[in-house]
């Protein structure tokens, strides 16, 4: 296979790369995602992982809003990030209140943050109709607040909230808020597409206008223009790139696109695009960090308890997955045929999916990937495997998410499979004891009957569990483990059920996927039946057989 991708700079572009600083707001704006809540330890863990990637600024929260954020700034000052600057977020002074009397501002300047990011209204509509102040008072609030913070020696950033909507309605006033921020000492001004409704051309025009306005006010002091976009039109990343191309050099975003409503710009995708798609024009992160983007994305999903977006660009599990036979055939010849970059550049991996849509190329690629053939795959064997897969999928099986079951299928087709046990029968029952009208106690019991090992030892075991699948697993393990003690390090970690033909009601076919792991790897197995317990039993048995097939030499297994 020919992997000819490179992240190197275009030799025709001899200009020095433009450094684009990355400002992460996952811990503040990202925490506004539905269902997301960071503990203090979570926030600290994320901070140091972001710092390790080379993120320039980390917004830790609003110290005046809650005790957790206040404690965060105390703790992070005890162990400061090695590269990143920690930012405290807050608002302009309240209407009619002097900055020195505003408790929110006091919390900002008393925090141990190096940078204070102040958000203000850069929209005439927002100032009048939402904040309830005159346009003159809004400008004074921006000016007073930034000057007050700057006098404390803190670095001051200004977040121009609703800038793009305000600029489209009343461009002169929105630009005047930026001029006020520059005069008051703002080091950086971030233009916010707060409602997420702007188009890339509007973003580019707004950034150009902001750059011109800032330069006229402060010709001798460079003011950084930044961008903060939301994804309500699905354009957060596109709008961010448009802003950078127009001259913005500070990018705000969140990991995995966390954020209120539809989320913020995904900082991982932005960083990958800037690093890989502009011929060396821009640089972000620190050397080697790009290859850890996928790992960091999955860390964040795990921490926030959010199911990963498999279709997430660059880092998603499906970002480099190939299912169509023609696609896989092309990938086998040259990876550029159906991949825009090499998955290794961002720490991801190529996946070849096996399904009824597959061609022989998929089977060949799968056999090579999992080293199921020592030499070139036999064409007849490949054809038999494909025929078997197609037949099984017509019954409801799907091997894309069941690698363990697929590997067993290959062994069976090749005549290499030696079963560890023979299934005779199983039974489950649920016992419900009525204690009173409001309380019941339940017990689920499973009975399995097997012949185990080469000698066919009859094992008849009973076990209880939390539901029929757990009881079956306990009974199965009880029957098999005495002969195959290596199963003791194997655990079931996930269980998924899908109804395939819901219009059939209670007679619908169900597909069960079971994920298992040991000390070496994860694998998934599948079962399909009109009876969900039987489907679970099939998947459970495959999970045991896969563990034994991979961990026991076949000659040894045959003698047990």
Protein backbone atom coordinates (compact mmCIF):
# COMPACT_ATOMS: atom_id res chain seq x y z
CA UNK A 1 0.00 0.00 0.00
CA UNK A 2 1.28 3.44 -0.85
CA UNK A 3 0.99 6.04 1.91
CA UNK A 4 2.35 9.18 0.34
CA UNK A 5 0.94 11.85 2.61
CA UNK A 6 3.13 14.38 4.36
CA UNK A 7 2.55 17.24 6.77
CA UNK A 8 5.71 18.99 5.59
CA UNK A 9 5.79 22.51 4.30
CA UNK A 10 5.36 23.15 0.59
CA UNK A 11 8.89 23.78 -0.75
CA UNK A 12 7.47 26.55 -2.96
CA UNK A 13 6.32 28.41 0.16
CA UNK A 14 9.51 29.85 1.68
CA UNK A 15 7.74 32.33 3.95
CA UNK A 16 7.92 31.91 7.71
CA UNK A 17 4.74 30.20 8.99
CA UNK A 18 2.21 32.40 10.74
CA UNK A 19 1.75 31.35 14.33
CA UNK A 20 -1.95 30.86 15.12
CA UNK A 21 -2.49 30.87 18.86
CA UNK A 22 -5.12 28.47 20.19
CA UNK A 23 -7.38 29.48 23.06
CA UNK A 24 -9.33 26.63 24.64
CA UNK A 25 -12.60 27.39 26.39
CA UNK A 26 -13.76 23.81 27.02
CA UNK A 27 -13.74 24.33 30.79
CA UNK A 28 -15.98 27.38 30.61
CA UNK A 29 -17.96 27.63 27.36
CA UNK A 30 -17.71 23.88 26.73
CA UNK A 31 -19.12 23.19 30.20
CA UNK A 32 -22.39 24.73 28.99
CA UNK A 33 -22.99 21.62 26.86
CA UNK A 34 -26.11 19.75 27.86
CA UNK A 35 -25.19 17.00 30.33
CA UNK A 36 -21.57 18.12 30.85
CA UNK A 37 -20.22 18.95 34.28
CA UNK A 38 -16.55 19.10 35.21
CA UNK A 39 -15.33 18.37 38.73
CA UNK A 40 -12.37 20.33 40.06
CA UNK A 41 -10.08 17.38 39.41
CA UNK A 42 -11.50 17.04 35.89
CA UNK A 43 -10.69 20.67 35.16
CA UNK A 44 -7.13 20.28 36.41
CA UNK A 45 -6.61 17.07 34.41
CA UNK A 46 -7.87 18.72 31.22
CA UNK A 47 -5.67 21.76 31.85
CA UNK A 48 -2.45 19.79 31.98
CA UNK A 49 -3.41 17.65 28.97
CA UNK A 50 -4.14 20.81 26.96
CA UNK A 51 -0.82 22.27 28.04
CA UNK A 52 0.94 19.10 26.91
CA UNK A 53 -0.54 19.53 23.43
CA UNK A 54 0.76 23.06 23.18
CA UNK A 55 -2.50 25.00 23.58
CA UNK A 56 -1.55 28.66 24.16
CA UNK A 57 -4.41 29.79 26.40
CA UNK A 58 -6.69 27.80 28.71
CA UNK A 59 -9.83 29.49 30.00
CA UNK A 60 -10.42 27.97 33.42
CA UNK A 61 -13.77 29.54 34.26
CA UNK A 62 -15.42 32.49 35.98
CA UNK A 63 -14.02 32.80 39.52
CA UNK A 64 -16.96 34.92 40.71
CA UNK A 65 -19.60 32.40 39.63
CA UNK A 66 -18.95 29.44 41.95
CA UNK A 67 -16.60 27.98 44.55
CA UNK A 68 -15.30 25.29 42.17
CA UNK A 69 -13.98 27.81 39.67
CA UNK A 70 -12.49 29.90 42.46
CA UNK A 71 -10.73 26.79 43.80
CA UNK A 72 -9.52 25.93 40.30
CA UNK A 73 -7.48 29.13 40.02
CA UNK A 74 -5.99 28.56 43.46
CA UNK A 75 -4.98 24.99 42.63
CA UNK A 76 -3.63 25.69 39.14
CA UNK A 77 -1.40 28.43 40.53
CA UNK A 78 0.30 25.81 42.72
CA UNK A 79 1.23 23.79 39.65
CA UNK A 80 1.33 26.11 36.68
CA UNK A 81 1.17 24.79 33.11
CA UNK A 82 4.57 24.71 31.48
CA UNK A 83 3.57 26.53 28.28
CA UNK A 84 -0.06 27.67 28.40
CA UNK A 85 -1.37 30.84 30.01
CA UNK A 86 -4.41 30.34 32.24
CA UNK A 87 -7.26 32.81 31.64
CA UNK A 88 -10.00 33.93 33.99
CA UNK A 89 -13.28 34.90 32.34
CA UNK A 90 -15.65 37.65 33.45
CA UNK A 91 -17.93 40.46 32.34
CA UNK A 92 -17.67 44.22 32.12
CA UNK A 93 -18.60 46.17 35.25
CA UNK A 94 -22.26 46.34 36.12
CA UNK A 95 -24.38 49.28 35.06
CA UNK A 96 -23.93 52.23 37.39
CA UNK A 97 -21.19 50.53 39.45
CA UNK A 98 -17.56 51.64 39.60
CA UNK A 99 -15.05 48.92 38.63
CA UNK A 100 -13.42 48.97 42.07
CA UNK A 101 -16.84 48.29 43.65
CA UNK A 102 -17.79 45.42 41.33
CA UNK A 103 -17.43 42.06 43.11
CA UNK A 104 -17.15 40.17 39.83
CA UNK A 105 -14.16 42.25 38.75
CA UNK A 106 -12.62 41.88 42.18
CA UNK A 107 -12.73 38.10 41.78
CA UNK A 108 -11.05 38.37 38.38
CA UNK A 109 -8.12 40.51 39.52
CA UNK A 110 -7.70 38.51 42.74
CA UNK A 111 -7.50 35.25 40.82
CA UNK A 112 -4.05 33.89 40.07
CA UNK A 113 -4.76 33.90 36.33
CA UNK A 114 -2.17 35.53 34.11
CA UNK A 115 -4.80 36.67 31.61
CA UNK A 116 -8.23 38.18 32.26
CA UNK A 117 -10.74 37.82 29.44
CA UNK A 118 -13.56 40.35 29.67
CA UNK A 119 -16.72 39.87 27.64
CA UNK A 120 -18.71 42.92 26.58
CA UNK A 121 -21.55 43.79 24.26
CA UNK A 122 -20.33 44.69 20.77
CA UNK A 123 -23.85 45.01 19.40
CA UNK A 124 -26.07 48.08 19.69
CA UNK A 125 -29.15 45.84 19.82
CA UNK A 126 -27.72 43.73 22.65
CA UNK A 127 -26.60 46.78 24.65
CA UNK A 128 -30.00 48.48 24.47
CA UNK A 129 -32.45 45.57 24.44
CA UNK A 130 -30.69 42.94 26.54
CA UNK A 131 -28.25 44.77 28.80
CA UNK A 132 -30.63 47.71 29.12
CA UNK A 133 -28.05 50.48 28.90
CA UNK A 134 -27.47 53.39 26.57
CA UNK A 135 -24.90 53.01 23.83
CA UNK A 136 -22.68 55.55 25.57
CA UNK A 137 -22.88 53.70 28.90
CA UNK A 138 -21.98 50.40 27.21
CA UNK A 139 -18.82 51.99 25.76
CA UNK A 140 -17.96 53.39 29.19
CA UNK A 141 -18.42 49.96 30.78
CA UNK A 142 -15.95 48.45 28.31
CA UNK A 143 -13.43 51.26 28.79
CA UNK A 144 -13.66 51.38 32.60
CA UNK A 145 -13.41 47.61 33.01
CA UNK A 146 -10.41 47.03 30.77
CA UNK A 147 -8.49 49.98 32.21
CA UNK A 148 -9.18 48.77 35.73
CA UNK A 149 -7.91 45.25 34.98
CA UNK A 150 -4.88 46.54 33.04
CA UNK A 151 -3.80 48.68 35.99
CA UNK A 152 -3.41 45.53 38.09
CA UNK A 153 -0.72 44.25 35.73
CA UNK A 154 -2.87 41.50 34.24
CA UNK A 155 -2.91 40.82 30.53
CA UNK A 156 -6.33 41.85 29.22
CA UNK A 157 -8.30 40.22 26.40
CA UNK A 158 -11.67 41.51 25.19
CA UNK A 159 -14.36 39.12 23.91
CA UNK A 160 -16.61 41.12 21.55
CA UNK A 161 -19.89 39.30 22.16
CA UNK A 162 -22.43 39.34 19.28
CA UNK A 163 -19.92 41.28 17.18
CA UNK A 164 -20.94 39.86 13.79
CA UNK A 165 -24.69 40.29 14.32
CA UNK A 166 -24.06 43.79 15.66
CA UNK A 167 -21.71 44.63 12.78
CA UNK A 168 -24.35 43.61 10.24
CA UNK A 169 -27.00 45.78 11.97
CA UNK A 170 -24.92 48.80 12.99
CA UNK A 171 -21.32 48.39 11.81
CA UNK A 172 -20.05 51.72 13.10
CA UNK A 173 -21.16 51.08 16.68
CA UNK A 174 -19.77 47.55 16.78
CA UNK A 175 -16.42 48.82 15.53
CA UNK A 176 -16.51 51.62 18.09
CA UNK A 177 -16.72 49.03 20.90
CA UNK A 178 -13.51 47.51 19.52
CA UNK A 179 -11.82 50.90 19.38
CA UNK A 180 -12.81 51.49 23.01
CA UNK A 181 -11.24 48.16 23.98
CA UNK A 182 -8.01 48.98 22.13
CA UNK A 183 -7.75 52.41 23.77
CA UNK A 184 -8.30 50.83 27.18
CA UNK A 185 -5.34 48.47 26.71
CA UNK A 186 -6.77 45.22 25.35
CA UNK A 187 -3.96 43.00 24.08
CA UNK A 188 -6.34 40.85 22.05
CA UNK A 189 -9.86 41.30 20.76
CA UNK A 190 -11.84 38.17 19.95
CA UNK A 191 -14.78 38.59 17.58
CA UNK A 192 -17.67 36.36 18.60
CA UNK A 193 -20.30 34.85 16.33
CA UNK A 194 -22.34 34.25 19.46
CA UNK A 195 -25.55 33.06 17.78
CA UNK A 196 -23.66 30.94 15.24
CA UNK A 197 -25.62 32.31 12.30
CA UNK A 198 -22.96 34.02 10.20
CA UNK A 199 -21.64 32.82 6.86
CA UNK A 200 -17.91 32.50 6.02
CA UNK A 201 -17.93 35.56 3.73
CA UNK A 202 -19.50 37.65 6.51
CA UNK A 203 -16.89 36.41 8.98
CA UNK A 204 -14.03 37.31 6.64
CA UNK A 205 -15.42 40.79 5.99
CA UNK A 206 -15.97 41.43 9.71
CA UNK A 207 -12.43 40.36 10.60
CA UNK A 208 -10.97 42.64 7.90
CA UNK A 209 -13.00 45.59 9.23
CA UNK A 210 -11.91 44.88 12.80
CA UNK A 211 -8.23 44.66 11.82
CA UNK A 212 -8.43 48.00 10.04
CA UNK A 213 -10.21 49.68 12.96
CA UNK A 214 -7.72 48.37 15.54
CA UNK A 215 -4.70 49.40 13.48
CA UNK A 216 -5.98 52.97 13.06
CA UNK A 217 -6.52 53.36 16.80
CA UNK A 218 -3.16 51.82 17.72
CA UNK A 219 -0.72 52.06 14.80
CA UNK A 220 2.32 51.53 17.04
CA UNK A 221 0.95 48.60 19.11
CA UNK A 222 -0.11 45.36 17.49
CA UNK A 223 -3.52 44.21 18.69
CA UNK A 224 -4.32 40.55 18.14
CA UNK A 225 -7.65 39.81 16.46
CA UNK A 226 -9.22 36.52 17.45
CA UNK A 227 -12.27 34.51 16.42
CA UNK A 228 -14.91 32.65 18.45
CA UNK A 229 -17.59 30.77 16.48
CA UNK A 230 -20.58 28.60 17.27
CA UNK A 231 -21.85 25.74 15.16
CA UNK A 232 -25.56 26.55 14.81
CA UNK A 233 -25.29 26.50 11.00
CA UNK A 234 -22.72 23.71 10.94
CA UNK A 235 -20.07 26.24 9.94
CA UNK A 236 -18.05 26.82 13.11
CA UNK A 237 -14.83 25.34 11.72
CA UNK A 238 -15.35 26.83 8.25
CA UNK A 239 -16.01 30.26 9.78
CA UNK A 240 -12.91 29.94 11.94
CA UNK A 241 -10.73 29.14 8.92
CA UNK A 242 -12.28 32.05 7.01
CA UNK A 243 -11.38 34.35 9.90
CA UNK A 244 -7.78 33.11 9.97
CA UNK A 245 -7.41 33.59 6.23
CA UNK A 246 -8.72 37.14 6.71
CA UNK A 247 -6.04 37.88 9.32
CA UNK A 248 -7.21 36.56 12.71
CA UNK A 249 -4.29 35.01 14.63
CA UNK A 250 -6.07 33.84 17.79
CA UNK A 251 -8.62 31.01 17.63
CA UNK A 252 -11.04 30.15 20.40
CA UNK A 253 -12.73 26.77 20.48
CA UNK A 254 -13.40 23.65 22.50
CA UNK A 255 -12.27 20.04 22.39
CA UNK A 256 -14.69 17.90 20.35
CA UNK A 257 -16.82 21.00 19.69
CA UNK A 258 -18.35 21.09 23.18
CA UNK A 259 -20.60 24.05 23.87
CA UNK A 260 -24.11 25.37 24.28
CA UNK A 261 -26.76 24.50 21.68
CA UNK A 262 -24.87 23.06 18.68
CA UNK A 263 -21.46 23.64 20.23
CA UNK A 264 -18.37 25.69 19.47
CA UNK A 265 -15.68 25.28 16.83
CA UNK A 266 -13.88 21.97 17.39
CA UNK A 267 -10.34 23.04 18.25
CA UNK A 268 -8.92 19.64 17.25
CA UNK A 269 -10.36 19.87 13.75
CA UNK A 270 -9.26 23.51 13.44
CA UNK A 271 -5.70 22.63 14.48
CA UNK A 272 -5.55 19.71 12.04
CA UNK A 273 -6.82 21.82 9.16
CA UNK A 274 -4.45 24.70 9.85
CA UNK A 275 -1.51 22.31 10.15
CA UNK A 276 -2.26 20.04 7.20
CA UNK A 277 -4.28 21.98 4.64
CA UNK A 278 -2.43 25.25 4.04
CA UNK A 279 0.97 24.08 2.75
CA UNK A 280 2.87 25.16 5.83
CA UNK A 281 1.36 28.65 5.90
CA UNK A 282 0.30 28.30 9.56
CA UNK A 283 1.71 26.60 12.61
CA UNK A 284 -0.14 25.53 15.76
CA UNK A 285 0.50 23.28 18.75
CA UNK A 286 3.94 21.96 19.59
CA UNK A 287 5.95 19.42 17.58
CA UNK A 288 4.51 15.91 17.78
CA UNK A 289 1.19 17.05 19.25
CA UNK A 290 -0.80 16.51 16.06
CA UNK A 291 -0.25 12.76 16.32
CA UNK A 292 -1.99 12.77 19.72
CA UNK A 293 -5.21 14.50 18.64
CA UNK A 294 -7.23 11.28 18.39
CA UNK A 295 -6.05 10.09 21.79
CA UNK A 296 -6.93 13.43 23.36
CA UNK A 297 -10.37 13.49 21.73
CA UNK A 298 -11.20 10.09 23.20
CA UNK A 299 -9.86 11.12 26.61
CA UNK A 300 -12.27 14.07 26.57
CA UNK A 301 -15.24 11.94 25.53
CA UNK A 302 -14.49 9.53 28.36
CA UNK A 303 -14.12 12.35 30.90
CA UNK A 304 -17.37 14.06 29.89
CA UNK A 305 -19.26 10.75 29.57
CA UNK A 306 -20.38 11.63 26.04
CA UNK A 307 -20.67 8.98 23.37
CA UNK A 308 -17.97 9.69 20.77
CA UNK A 309 -18.96 11.14 17.42
CA UNK A 310 -17.68 8.42 15.11
CA UNK A 311 -17.98 10.74 12.09
CA UNK A 312 -15.91 13.51 13.68
CA UNK A 313 -13.35 14.72 11.11
CA UNK A 314 -9.78 13.51 11.59
CA UNK A 315 -10.26 11.88 15.02
CA UNK A 316 -13.55 9.97 14.75
CA UNK A 317 -13.57 6.17 14.59
CA UNK A 318 -15.16 6.34 11.13
CA UNK A 319 -12.97 9.16 9.80
CA UNK A 320 -10.80 6.64 7.93
CA UNK A 321 -13.23 3.70 7.74
CA UNK A 322 -13.90 2.11 4.33
CA UNK A 323 -16.86 -0.11 3.53
CA UNK A 324 -17.47 -0.12 -0.23
CA UNK A 325 -15.49 -2.75 -2.10
CA UNK A 326 -14.39 -0.29 -4.80
CA UNK A 327 -13.09 2.09 -2.12
CA UNK A 328 -11.07 -0.61 -0.40
CA UNK A 329 -9.67 -1.80 -3.70
CA UNK A 330 -8.46 1.73 -4.34
CA UNK A 331 -7.05 2.11 -0.81
CA UNK A 332 -5.09 -1.11 -1.23
CA UNK A 333 -3.45 0.33 -4.33
CA UNK A 334 -2.85 3.87 -3.06
CA UNK A 335 -4.19 5.37 0.14
CA UNK A 336 -4.70 8.75 -1.52
CA UNK A 337 -7.49 7.28 -3.65
CA UNK A 338 -10.03 7.62 -0.82
CA UNK A 339 -8.21 9.40 2.03
CA UNK A 340 -7.39 13.11 2.12
CA UNK A 341 -4.56 12.63 4.66
CA UNK A 342 -2.85 9.68 6.29
CA UNK A 343 -4.68 8.74 9.51
CA UNK A 344 -1.32 8.39 11.29
CA UNK A 345 -0.78 12.15 11.05
CA UNK A 346 -3.50 12.71 13.65
CA UNK A 347 -3.03 9.48 15.59
CA UNK A 348 -5.99 7.70 14.02
CA UNK A 349 -6.05 4.43 12.07
CA UNK A 350 -7.51 3.07 8.87
CA UNK A 351 -10.41 0.65 9.31
CA UNK A 352 -11.74 -1.72 6.66
CA UNK A 353 -15.35 -2.68 7.30
CA UNK A 354 -16.76 -6.05 6.33
CA UNK A 355 -20.41 -6.18 5.24
CA UNK A 356 -22.74 -7.27 2.47
CA UNK A 357 -21.54 -4.20 0.53
CA UNK A 358 -17.96 -5.41 0.70
CA UNK A 359 -15.99 -6.80 -2.18
CA UNK A 360 -13.13 -9.23 -2.00
CA UNK A 361 -10.76 -6.33 -1.42
CA UNK A 362 -12.34 -5.69 1.97
CA UNK A 363 -11.86 -9.29 3.01
CA UNK A 364 -8.24 -9.30 1.85
CA UNK A 365 -7.51 -6.03 3.70
CA UNK A 366 -9.18 -7.33 6.84
CA UNK A 367 -7.22 -10.59 6.77
CA UNK A 368 -3.97 -8.66 6.38
CA UNK A 369 -4.77 -6.17 9.11
CA UNK A 370 -5.49 -8.85 11.69
CA UNK A 371 -2.76 -11.20 10.38
CA UNK A 372 -5.23 -13.99 9.76
CA UNK A 373 -3.21 -15.17 6.74
CA UNK A 374 0.51 -15.83 6.85
CA UNK A 375 0.80 -15.48 3.08
CA UNK A 376 -1.30 -13.94 0.32
CA UNK A 377 -4.96 -14.89 0.94
CA UNK A 378 -6.26 -17.79 -1.13
CA UNK A 379 -8.85 -16.45 -3.65
CA UNK A 380 -11.16 -19.41 -2.99
CA UNK A 381 -11.00 -18.81 0.75
CA UNK A 382 -11.73 -15.12 0.26
CA UNK A 383 -14.74 -15.94 -1.92
CA UNK A 384 -16.08 -18.38 0.71
CA UNK A 385 -15.66 -15.82 3.47
CA UNK A 386 -17.47 -13.16 1.45
CA UNK A 387 -20.28 -15.60 0.64
CA UNK A 388 -20.64 -16.44 4.34
CA UNK A 389 -20.63 -12.79 5.38
CA UNK A 390 -23.28 -11.92 2.79
CA UNK A 391 -25.50 -14.79 3.94
CA UNK A 392 -25.14 -13.94 7.62
CA UNK A 393 -25.87 -10.28 7.01
CA UNK A 394 -29.07 -11.24 5.21
CA UNK A 395 -30.12 -12.72 8.57
CA UNK A 396 -29.33 -9.51 10.43
CA UNK A 397 -25.67 -9.95 11.35
CA UNK A 398 -23.34 -7.00 10.91
CA UNK A 399 -19.62 -7.51 11.32
CA UNK A 400 -18.50 -3.88 11.17
CA UNK A 401 -18.77 -3.63 14.96
CA UNK A 402 -18.07 -7.31 15.74
CA UNK A 403 -14.44 -8.01 14.96
CA UNK A 404 -14.28 -10.96 17.36
CA UNK A 405 -17.15 -12.78 15.67
CA UNK A 406 -15.70 -12.06 12.22
CA UNK A 407 -12.34 -13.55 13.15
CA UNK A 408 -14.10 -16.68 14.40
CA UNK A 409 -16.06 -16.83 11.14
CA UNK A 410 -12.78 -16.75 9.19
CA UNK A 411 -11.35 -19.61 11.25
CA UNK A 412 -14.52 -21.64 10.69
CA UNK A 413 -14.48 -21.10 6.91
CA UNK A 414 -10.79 -22.09 6.79
CA UNK A 415 -11.46 -25.20 8.89
CA UNK A 416 -9.16 -23.99 11.67
CA UNK A 417 -11.75 -23.57 14.41
CA UNK A 418 -11.66 -25.98 17.35
CA UNK A 419 -14.63 -25.28 19.65
CA UNK A 420 -13.84 -25.02 23.34
CA UNK A 421 -17.27 -26.29 24.31
CA UNK A 422 -20.41 -27.70 22.74
CA UNK A 423 -23.67 -25.99 23.61
CA UNK A 424 -26.42 -28.44 24.60
CA UNK A 425 -29.07 -26.18 26.10
CA UNK A 426 -29.69 -23.19 28.30
CA UNK A 427 -32.63 -21.85 30.26
CA UNK A 428 -33.37 -18.60 32.08
CA UNK A 429 -36.12 -17.74 34.51
CA UNK A 430 -37.11 -14.66 36.46
CA UNK A 431 -38.48 -15.18 39.95
CA UNK A 432 -40.66 -12.42 41.37
CA UNK A 433 -41.77 -12.59 45.00
CA UNK A 434 -44.59 -10.27 45.98
CA UNK A 435 -43.67 -8.86 49.37
CA UNK A 436 -46.42 -6.27 49.51
CA UNK A 437 -48.23 -3.98 47.12
CA UNK A 438 -45.32 -1.58 46.74
CA UNK A 439 -42.24 -3.78 47.06
CA UNK A 440 -41.05 -6.87 45.19
CA UNK A 441 -37.79 -8.78 45.21
CA UNK A 442 -36.53 -10.36 42.00
CA UNK A 443 -33.99 -13.02 41.12
CA UNK A 444 -32.90 -14.13 37.66
CA UNK A 445 -31.58 -17.67 37.32
CA UNK A 446 -29.81 -19.26 34.34
CA UNK A 447 -29.03 -22.92 33.74
CA UNK A 448 -26.54 -24.05 31.10
CA UNK A 449 -25.62 -27.52 29.91
CA UNK A 450 -22.38 -27.95 27.96
CA UNK A 451 -19.74 -30.42 26.95
CA UNK A 452 -16.40 -28.74 27.61
CA UNK A 453 -12.93 -29.47 26.23
CA UNK A 454 -11.59 -32.28 24.05
CA UNK A 455 -12.83 -34.93 26.45
CA UNK A 456 -16.35 -33.51 26.28
CA UNK A 457 -16.78 -33.22 30.04
CA UNK A 458 -20.47 -32.65 30.81
CA UNK A 459 -21.01 -29.45 32.78
CA UNK A 460 -24.45 -28.55 34.11
CA UNK A 461 -24.36 -25.27 36.06
CA UNK A 462 -26.81 -22.82 37.59
CA UNK A 463 -26.14 -19.16 38.47
CA UNK A 464 -28.01 -16.02 39.41
CA UNK A 465 -27.46 -12.57 37.97
CA UNK A 466 -28.77 -9.07 37.47
CA UNK A 467 -31.03 -9.96 34.57
CA UNK A 468 -30.98 -12.94 32.17
CA UNK A 469 -27.81 -11.93 30.28
CA UNK A 470 -25.76 -11.48 33.45
CA UNK A 471 -27.10 -14.78 34.82
CA UNK A 472 -26.23 -16.57 31.57
CA UNK A 473 -22.73 -15.11 31.60
CA UNK A 474 -22.22 -16.21 35.21
CA UNK A 475 -23.45 -19.76 34.49
CA UNK A 476 -21.38 -20.05 31.31
CA UNK A 477 -18.23 -18.90 33.06
CA UNK A 478 -18.93 -21.23 35.96
CA UNK A 479 -19.10 -24.15 33.54
CA UNK A 480 -16.06 -23.30 31.40
CA UNK A 481 -13.53 -21.62 33.72
CA UNK A 482 -12.51 -24.77 35.66
CA UNK A 483 -11.08 -26.19 32.42
CA UNK A 484 -9.99 -22.87 30.91
CA UNK A 485 -8.80 -20.75 33.86
CA UNK A 486 -7.35 -18.13 31.46
CA UNK A 487 -10.90 -16.77 31.18
CA UNK A 488 -10.57 -15.19 34.62
CA UNK A 489 -8.93 -12.05 33.24
CA UNK A 490 -11.74 -11.51 30.72
CA UNK A 491 -14.55 -9.05 31.44
CA UNK A 492 -17.70 -7.94 29.64
CA UNK A 493 -17.67 -4.15 29.38
CA UNK A 494 -20.63 -3.21 27.16
CA UNK A 495 -23.92 -4.63 25.91
CA UNK A 496 -26.03 -3.17 23.09
CA UNK A 497 -29.37 -4.30 21.70
CA UNK A 498 -30.97 -3.14 18.46
CA UNK A 499 -34.38 -4.08 17.10
CA UNK A 500 -34.01 -4.72 13.37
CA UNK A 501 -37.66 -4.83 12.27
CA UNK A 502 -39.68 -2.89 14.82
CA UNK A 503 -42.87 -3.25 12.76
CA UNK A 504 -42.93 -6.92 13.81
CA UNK A 505 -43.65 -5.90 17.41
CA UNK A 506 -42.68 -8.44 20.04
CA UNK A 507 -41.66 -10.91 17.31
CA UNK A 508 -39.01 -8.52 15.95
CA UNK A 509 -35.49 -9.71 15.24
CA UNK A 510 -32.91 -8.32 17.64
CA UNK A 511 -29.19 -7.83 17.21
CA UNK A 512 -26.96 -7.97 20.28
CA UNK A 513 -23.40 -6.67 20.39
CA UNK A 514 -21.24 -7.54 23.39
CA UNK A 515 -17.89 -5.86 24.02
CA UNK A 516 -15.31 -7.74 26.06
CA UNK A 517 -11.76 -7.10 27.18
CA UNK A 518 -8.79 -8.72 28.85
CA UNK A 519 -5.39 -7.36 29.72
CA UNK A 520 -4.42 -7.09 26.05
CA UNK A 521 -7.33 -5.91 23.91
CA UNK A 522 -11.01 -5.16 23.42
CA UNK A 523 -13.18 -7.20 21.05
CA UNK A 524 -16.84 -7.36 20.12
CA UNK A 525 -19.11 -10.26 19.26
CA UNK A 526 -22.59 -10.47 17.79
CA UNK A 527 -25.74 -12.54 18.06
CA UNK A 528 -29.02 -12.28 16.12
CA UNK A 529 -32.36 -13.90 16.95
CA UNK A 530 -36.05 -13.17 17.38
CA UNK A 531 -35.39 -13.99 21.04
CA UNK A 532 -33.19 -11.33 22.67
CA UNK A 533 -31.94 -13.83 25.27
CA UNK A 534 -30.87 -16.27 22.53
CA UNK A 535 -29.15 -13.47 20.61
CA UNK A 536 -27.31 -12.59 23.82
CA UNK A 537 -26.35 -16.24 24.35
CA UNK A 538 -24.87 -16.45 20.84
CA UNK A 539 -22.81 -13.29 21.40
CA UNK A 540 -21.70 -14.48 24.86
CA UNK A 541 -20.50 -17.81 23.53
CA UNK A 542 -18.59 -16.09 20.74
CA UNK A 543 -16.90 -13.81 23.26
CA UNK A 544 -15.66 -16.82 25.24
CA UNK A 545 -14.59 -18.68 22.11
CA UNK A 546 -12.69 -15.66 20.81
CA UNK A 547 -10.82 -15.23 24.07
CA UNK A 548 -9.77 -18.86 24.05
CA UNK A 549 -8.94 -18.87 20.34
CA UNK A 550 -6.53 -15.96 20.71
CA UNK A 551 -4.94 -16.92 24.01
CA UNK A 552 -4.48 -20.69 23.69
CA UNK A 553 -2.32 -22.57 21.23
CA UNK A 554 -4.62 -24.74 19.13
CA UNK A 555 -2.64 -27.92 19.78
CA UNK A 556 -2.83 -27.26 23.50
CA UNK A 557 -6.54 -26.50 23.22
CA UNK A 558 -7.24 -29.74 21.36
CA UNK A 559 -5.67 -31.74 24.20
CA UNK A 560 -7.68 -30.21 27.01
